[in-house]
Amino acid sequence: MSEKVIWEYFTAPVLIHATKQILDNYGSEGWELVTIMAGPNGGDTLVAYFKRPKA
């Protein structure tokens, strides 16, 4: 039987003009992007939802 994975989650604001840099930064820290959605105030802000196995 496979081992149970425990996840930790993180949300972060993402500015449209710097999306790649921001996502690359979190990815290099082991965070996997789950989804990205419009921010609550609209405009140029997105909210990214990440997960990674808990250490």
C-alpha atoms as a PDB file:
ATOM      1  CA  MET A   1       0.000   0.000   0.000  1.00  0.00           C
ATOM      2  CA  SER A   2       1.305   3.498  -0.812  1.00  0.00           C
ATOM      3  CA  GLU A   3       2.152   5.989   1.889  1.00  0.00           C
ATOM      4  CA  LYS A   4      -0.411   8.710   2.676  1.00  0.00           C
ATOM      5  CA  VAL A   5       0.690  12.180   1.537  1.00  0.00           C
ATOM      6  CA  ILE A   6       0.008  15.100   3.871  1.00  0.00           C
ATOM      7  CA  TRP A   7      -0.251  18.415   2.003  1.00  0.00           C
ATOM      8  CA  GLU A   8       0.329  21.982   3.067  1.00  0.00           C
ATOM      9  CA  TYR A   9      -1.338  24.813   1.177  1.00  0.00           C
ATOM     10  CA  PHE A  10      -0.455  28.408   0.415  1.00  0.00           C
ATOM     11  CA  THR A  11      -2.187  31.304  -1.348  1.00  0.00           C
ATOM     12  CA  ALA A  12      -0.399  34.275  -2.840  1.00  0.00           C
ATOM     13  CA  PRO A  13      -1.360  37.379  -4.806  1.00  0.00           C
ATOM     14  CA  VAL A  14       0.060  37.379  -8.337  1.00  0.00           C
ATOM     15  CA  LEU A  15       0.420  40.541 -10.404  1.00  0.00           C
ATOM     16  CA  ILE A  16      -0.387  39.998 -14.071  1.00  0.00           C
ATOM     17  CA  HIS A  17       2.759  41.769 -15.288  1.00  0.00           C
ATOM     18  CA  ALA A  18       5.030  39.459 -13.217  1.00  0.00           C
ATOM     19  CA  THR A  19       3.154  36.144 -13.349  1.00  0.00           C
ATOM     20  CA  LYS A  20       5.993  33.988 -14.707  1.00  0.00           C
ATOM     21  CA  GLN A  21       8.581  35.313 -12.253  1.00  0.00           C
ATOM     22  CA  ILE A  22       6.283  34.815  -9.282  1.00  0.00           C
ATOM     23  CA  LEU A  23       5.218  31.290 -10.298  1.00  0.00           C
ATOM     24  CA  ASP A  24       8.834  30.285 -11.053  1.00  0.00           C
ATOM     25  CA  ASN A  25       9.858  31.550  -7.619  1.00  0.00           C
ATOM     26  CA  TYR A  26       7.251  29.475  -5.761  1.00  0.00           C
ATOM     27  CA  GLY A  27       7.925  26.468  -7.996  1.00  0.00           C
ATOM     28  CA  SER A  28      11.621  26.582  -7.081  1.00  0.00           C
ATOM     29  CA  GLU A  29      10.556  26.312  -3.427  1.00  0.00           C
ATOM     30  CA  GLY A  30       8.619  23.113  -4.144  1.00  0.00           C
ATOM     31  CA  TRP A  31       5.142  24.642  -4.431  1.00  0.00           C
ATOM     32  CA  GLU A  32       2.857  23.187  -7.125  1.00  0.00           C
ATOM     33  CA  LEU A  33       0.261  25.500  -8.639  1.00  0.00           C
ATOM     34  CA  VAL A  34      -3.248  24.132  -8.113  1.00  0.00           C
ATOM     35  CA  THR A  35      -5.261  26.976  -9.646  1.00  0.00           C
ATOM     36  CA  ILE A  36      -5.171  30.694 -10.251  1.00  0.00           C
ATOM     37  CA  MET A  37      -8.217  32.947 -10.007  1.00  0.00           C
ATOM     38  CA  ALA A  38      -9.126  36.613 -10.246  1.00  0.00           C
ATOM     39  CA  GLY A  39      -8.450  38.519  -7.033  1.00  0.00           C
ATOM     40  CA  PRO A  40     -11.355  39.697  -4.877  1.00  0.00           C
ATOM     41  CA  ASN A  41     -10.875  43.328  -5.946  1.00  0.00           C
ATOM     42  CA  GLY A  42     -10.432  42.623  -9.668  1.00  0.00           C
ATOM     43  CA  GLY A  43      -7.910  44.734 -11.543  1.00  0.00           C
ATOM     44  CA  ASP A  44      -4.462  43.330 -12.291  1.00  0.00           C
ATOM     45  CA  THR A  45      -4.314  41.023  -9.266  1.00  0.00           C
ATOM     46  CA  LEU A  46      -4.750  37.259  -9.366  1.00  0.00           C
ATOM     47  CA  VAL A  47      -4.718  34.804  -6.463  1.00  0.00           C
ATOM     48  CA  ALA A  48      -2.663  31.638  -6.870  1.00  0.00           C
ATOM     49  CA  TYR A  49      -3.334  28.504  -4.813  1.00  0.00           C
ATOM     50  CA  PHE A  50      -0.373  26.181  -4.239  1.00  0.00           C
ATOM     51  CA  LYS A  51       0.274  22.857  -2.528  1.00  0.00           C
ATOM     52  CA  ARG A  52       3.326  20.766  -1.638  1.00  0.00           C
ATOM     53  CA  PRO A  53       3.943  17.665   0.447  1.00  0.00           C
ATOM     54  CA  LYS A  54       4.376  18.591   4.093  1.00  0.00           C
ATOM     55  CA  ALA A  55       7.873  17.907   5.363  1.00  0.00           C
END
